Amino acid sequence: MKTVDFYFDFMSPYAYLAATQLPRLTAQYPIQLVLHPIDLVAARRAAGNTGPFNRDIPPKMRYLMADLQRWAKRYTVPFTMPKGLDTARLNRGVLWARTQNAEAERRYFHAAYTAVWGRGGDPADADLLRAVAQEAGLAAEACLSGVDSEPIVRAYAQENQAAQARGVFGVPIFIVDEQMYWGNDRIEFLEEYLRSQP
């Protein structure tokens, strides 16, 4: 069984699109999927990408909105721009959910992406975090305090350091056998690699 590392930040719409394909990948291929929530802005800067953000380039932003709608239509998934992009606490929630059990982590991950990009919620809203936790079968208030606990904050910092040391410069990124695939549009190459393995 291959281990596939998936790097994401809930602020990324392309990572959302990739996330919608993960259930199919895990059902179709003998892989162990490991989720890695990271700070996308920090990863960009660590890699030397100090250029402007997409939202600050109007022509590019217009194109990206059309492109995202095309992908959402292809995947038949909802797509709504969120009310904000401050995702640090929501990202850390994945690590807290992991401390409960693996199934809770998976449910939290998908519920969070649906809440942010499927329904256009604000990832920094405590009520959204509570709702995501409840949807994942977790205690909402325990999750709310857990994401700010010292062990989880430290674990998130370690995830970021490890990702940057591995050369992760953006999201979504899949890594298997040190082969890197960046973007939801590279999933087909990931699948080609997985099919080529004995």
Protein backbone atom coordinates (compact mmCIF):
# COMPACT_ATOMS: atom_id res chain seq x y z
CA MET A 1 0.00 0.00 0.00
CA LYS A 2 1.35 3.40 -1.02
CA THR A 3 1.29 6.42 1.28
CA VAL A 4 0.01 9.56 -0.43
CA ASP A 5 0.64 12.82 1.41
CA PHE A 6 -1.91 15.55 0.66
CA TYR A 7 -0.92 19.14 1.48
CA PHE A 8 -3.70 21.72 1.66
CA ASP A 9 -4.91 24.96 3.20
CA PHE A 10 -8.64 25.57 3.52
CA MET A 11 -8.05 28.96 1.88
CA SER A 12 -7.31 27.27 -1.45
CA PRO A 13 -10.21 26.67 -3.85
CA TYR A 14 -8.08 24.34 -5.96
CA ALA A 15 -7.31 22.25 -2.89
CA TYR A 16 -11.08 22.15 -2.28
CA LEU A 17 -11.58 20.81 -5.79
CA ALA A 18 -8.86 18.21 -5.23
CA ALA A 19 -10.42 17.27 -1.89
CA THR A 20 -13.69 16.40 -3.60
CA GLN A 21 -11.80 13.71 -5.54
CA LEU A 22 -10.10 12.07 -2.57
CA PRO A 23 -12.92 9.64 -1.70
CA ARG A 24 -12.78 8.28 -5.25
CA LEU A 25 -8.99 7.94 -5.13
CA THR A 26 -8.99 6.10 -1.81
CA ALA A 27 -11.75 3.77 -3.03
CA GLN A 28 -10.05 3.05 -6.35
CA TYR A 29 -6.40 2.66 -5.33
CA PRO A 30 -4.68 0.82 -2.46
CA ILE A 31 -3.34 3.99 -0.82
CA GLN A 32 -3.04 5.41 2.66
CA LEU A 33 -3.93 9.09 2.47
CA VAL A 34 -2.23 11.39 5.00
CA LEU A 35 -3.64 14.90 5.42
CA HIS A 36 -1.24 17.79 5.97
CA PRO A 37 -2.84 21.15 6.79
CA ILE A 38 -0.37 23.98 6.15
CA ASP A 39 -0.19 27.76 5.95
CA LEU A 40 -0.19 28.43 2.21
CA VAL A 41 1.11 32.00 2.53
CA ALA A 42 4.05 30.83 4.66
CA ALA A 43 4.83 28.04 2.18
CA ARG A 44 4.84 30.50 -0.72
CA ARG A 45 7.17 32.88 1.08
CA ALA A 46 9.50 30.11 2.25
CA ALA A 47 9.83 29.01 -1.38
CA GLY A 48 10.73 32.54 -2.48
CA ASN A 49 7.34 33.39 -3.99
CA THR A 50 6.89 36.96 -2.80
CA GLY A 51 4.82 38.15 -5.75
CA PRO A 52 1.31 39.57 -5.49
CA PHE A 53 -1.64 37.40 -4.55
CA ASN A 54 -4.11 36.41 -7.25
CA ARG A 55 -6.79 38.62 -5.70
CA ASP A 56 -4.52 41.61 -6.33
CA ILE A 57 -4.32 40.92 -10.10
CA PRO A 58 -7.82 41.63 -11.49
CA PRO A 59 -7.36 40.04 -14.95
CA LYS A 60 -5.96 36.87 -13.40
CA MET A 61 -8.70 36.81 -10.78
CA ARG A 62 -11.39 37.05 -13.47
CA TYR A 63 -9.82 34.10 -15.26
CA LEU A 64 -9.48 32.06 -12.07
CA MET A 65 -13.14 32.55 -11.20
CA ALA A 66 -14.16 31.20 -14.61
CA ASP A 67 -11.68 28.34 -14.30
CA LEU A 68 -12.92 27.38 -10.84
CA GLN A 69 -16.51 27.33 -12.06
CA ARG A 70 -15.50 25.06 -14.95
CA TRP A 71 -13.82 22.60 -12.58
CA ALA A 72 -16.75 22.65 -10.17
CA LYS A 73 -19.08 21.86 -13.07
CA ARG A 74 -16.83 19.03 -14.25
CA TYR A 75 -16.74 17.52 -10.75
CA THR A 76 -20.44 18.31 -10.18
CA VAL A 77 -19.69 19.96 -6.83
CA PRO A 78 -20.98 23.24 -5.39
CA PHE A 79 -18.70 26.27 -5.51
CA THR A 80 -19.26 29.54 -3.62
CA MET A 81 -16.67 32.17 -2.75
CA PRO A 82 -16.20 32.26 1.02
CA LYS A 83 -16.68 35.34 3.18
CA GLY A 84 -13.02 35.31 4.27
CA LEU A 85 -9.73 33.44 3.94
CA ASP A 86 -8.37 33.40 7.50
CA THR A 87 -8.06 29.64 7.84
CA ALA A 88 -5.44 29.03 10.56
CA ARG A 89 -7.87 27.82 13.24
CA LEU A 90 -9.86 25.71 10.78
CA ASN A 91 -6.60 24.17 9.53
CA ARG A 92 -5.54 23.33 13.07
CA GLY A 93 -8.91 21.68 13.58
CA VAL A 94 -7.78 18.83 11.33
CA LEU A 95 -4.94 18.10 13.74
CA TRP A 96 -7.24 18.29 16.74
CA ALA A 97 -9.78 15.97 15.08
CA ARG A 98 -6.90 13.55 14.41
CA THR A 99 -6.33 13.28 18.16
CA GLN A 100 -9.88 11.97 18.48
CA ASN A 101 -9.79 9.32 15.75
CA ALA A 102 -8.98 8.89 12.06
CA GLU A 103 -12.60 8.78 10.94
CA ALA A 104 -13.36 12.03 12.77
CA GLU A 105 -10.38 13.64 11.05
CA ARG A 106 -11.68 12.61 7.63
CA ARG A 107 -15.22 13.80 8.39
CA TYR A 108 -13.95 17.13 9.75
CA PHE A 109 -11.76 17.69 6.68
CA HIS A 110 -14.60 17.20 4.20
CA ALA A 111 -17.13 19.10 6.32
CA ALA A 112 -14.77 22.07 6.59
CA TYR A 113 -14.15 22.26 2.85
CA THR A 114 -17.87 22.01 2.13
CA ALA A 115 -18.65 24.75 4.65
CA VAL A 116 -16.05 27.14 3.23
CA TRP A 117 -16.11 26.57 -0.55
CA GLY A 118 -19.32 24.62 -1.00
CA ARG A 119 -21.48 27.02 1.02
CA GLY A 120 -19.32 30.15 1.12
CA GLY A 121 -18.85 30.35 4.88
CA ASP A 122 -16.28 32.36 6.79
CA PRO A 123 -13.47 30.01 7.93
CA ALA A 124 -12.60 32.36 10.82
CA ASP A 125 -16.15 32.25 12.21
CA ALA A 126 -16.33 30.34 15.49
CA ASP A 127 -19.88 29.26 14.67
CA LEU A 128 -18.67 27.70 11.42
CA LEU A 129 -15.98 25.81 13.34
CA ARG A 130 -18.59 24.59 15.82
CA ALA A 131 -20.87 23.45 12.99
CA VAL A 132 -18.02 21.62 11.23
CA ALA A 133 -17.09 19.84 14.45
CA GLN A 134 -20.69 18.79 15.05
CA GLU A 135 -21.04 17.54 11.48
CA ALA A 136 -17.91 15.46 12.06
CA GLY A 137 -19.43 13.99 15.22
CA LEU A 138 -17.12 15.95 17.51
CA ALA A 139 -17.82 18.04 20.59
CA ALA A 140 -18.06 21.60 19.31
CA GLU A 141 -16.76 23.43 22.37
CA ALA A 142 -13.93 20.94 22.88
CA CYS A 143 -12.90 21.50 19.27
CA LEU A 144 -13.09 25.26 19.66
CA SER A 145 -10.70 25.21 22.60
CA GLY A 146 -8.61 22.37 21.20
CA VAL A 147 -7.58 24.23 18.04
CA ASP A 148 -5.96 26.92 20.19
CA SER A 149 -4.28 24.54 22.64
CA GLU A 150 -0.50 24.62 22.89
CA PRO A 151 0.02 21.04 21.62
CA ILE A 152 -2.11 21.65 18.51
CA VAL A 153 -0.54 25.03 17.78
CA ARG A 154 2.87 23.38 18.09
CA ALA A 155 1.83 20.46 15.87
CA TYR A 156 0.64 22.89 13.20
CA ALA A 157 3.97 24.74 13.30
CA GLN A 158 5.75 21.40 12.91
CA GLU A 159 3.54 20.49 9.92
CA ASN A 160 4.52 23.75 8.27
CA GLN A 161 8.22 23.32 8.96
CA ALA A 162 8.19 19.76 7.65
CA ALA A 163 6.30 20.77 4.51
CA GLN A 164 8.69 23.60 3.75
CA ALA A 165 11.68 21.32 4.34
CA ARG A 166 10.16 18.91 1.84
CA GLY A 167 9.84 21.60 -0.80
CA VAL A 168 6.10 22.12 -0.60
CA PHE A 169 5.55 25.52 -2.22
CA GLY A 170 1.80 25.58 -2.75
CA VAL A 171 -1.41 23.58 -2.49
CA PRO A 172 -2.89 21.20 -3.33
CA ILE A 173 0.20 19.03 -3.49
CA PHE A 174 0.24 15.24 -3.52
CA ILE A 175 3.49 13.42 -2.76
CA VAL A 176 3.95 9.67 -3.20
CA ASP A 177 7.37 7.97 -3.31
CA GLU A 178 8.88 11.51 -3.45
CA GLN A 179 6.95 12.14 -6.68
CA MET A 180 5.21 15.53 -6.40
CA TYR A 181 1.95 16.48 -8.14
CA TRP A 182 0.72 20.08 -7.80
CA GLY A 183 -2.86 21.03 -8.52
CA ASN A 184 -6.19 19.29 -8.89
CA ASP A 185 -5.47 19.13 -12.62
CA ARG A 186 -2.52 16.84 -11.94
CA ILE A 187 -4.59 14.12 -10.28
CA GLU A 188 -4.60 12.19 -13.55
CA PHE A 189 -0.80 12.04 -13.44
CA LEU A 190 -0.95 10.81 -9.85
CA GLU A 191 -3.36 8.11 -10.97
CA GLU A 192 -1.09 7.14 -13.86
CA TYR A 193 1.76 6.70 -11.39
CA LEU A 194 -0.35 4.65 -9.00
CA ARG A 195 -1.51 2.37 -11.83
CA SER A 196 2.10 1.85 -12.93
CA GLN A 197 3.14 0.46 -9.57
CA PRO A 198 3.26 -3.29 -9.00
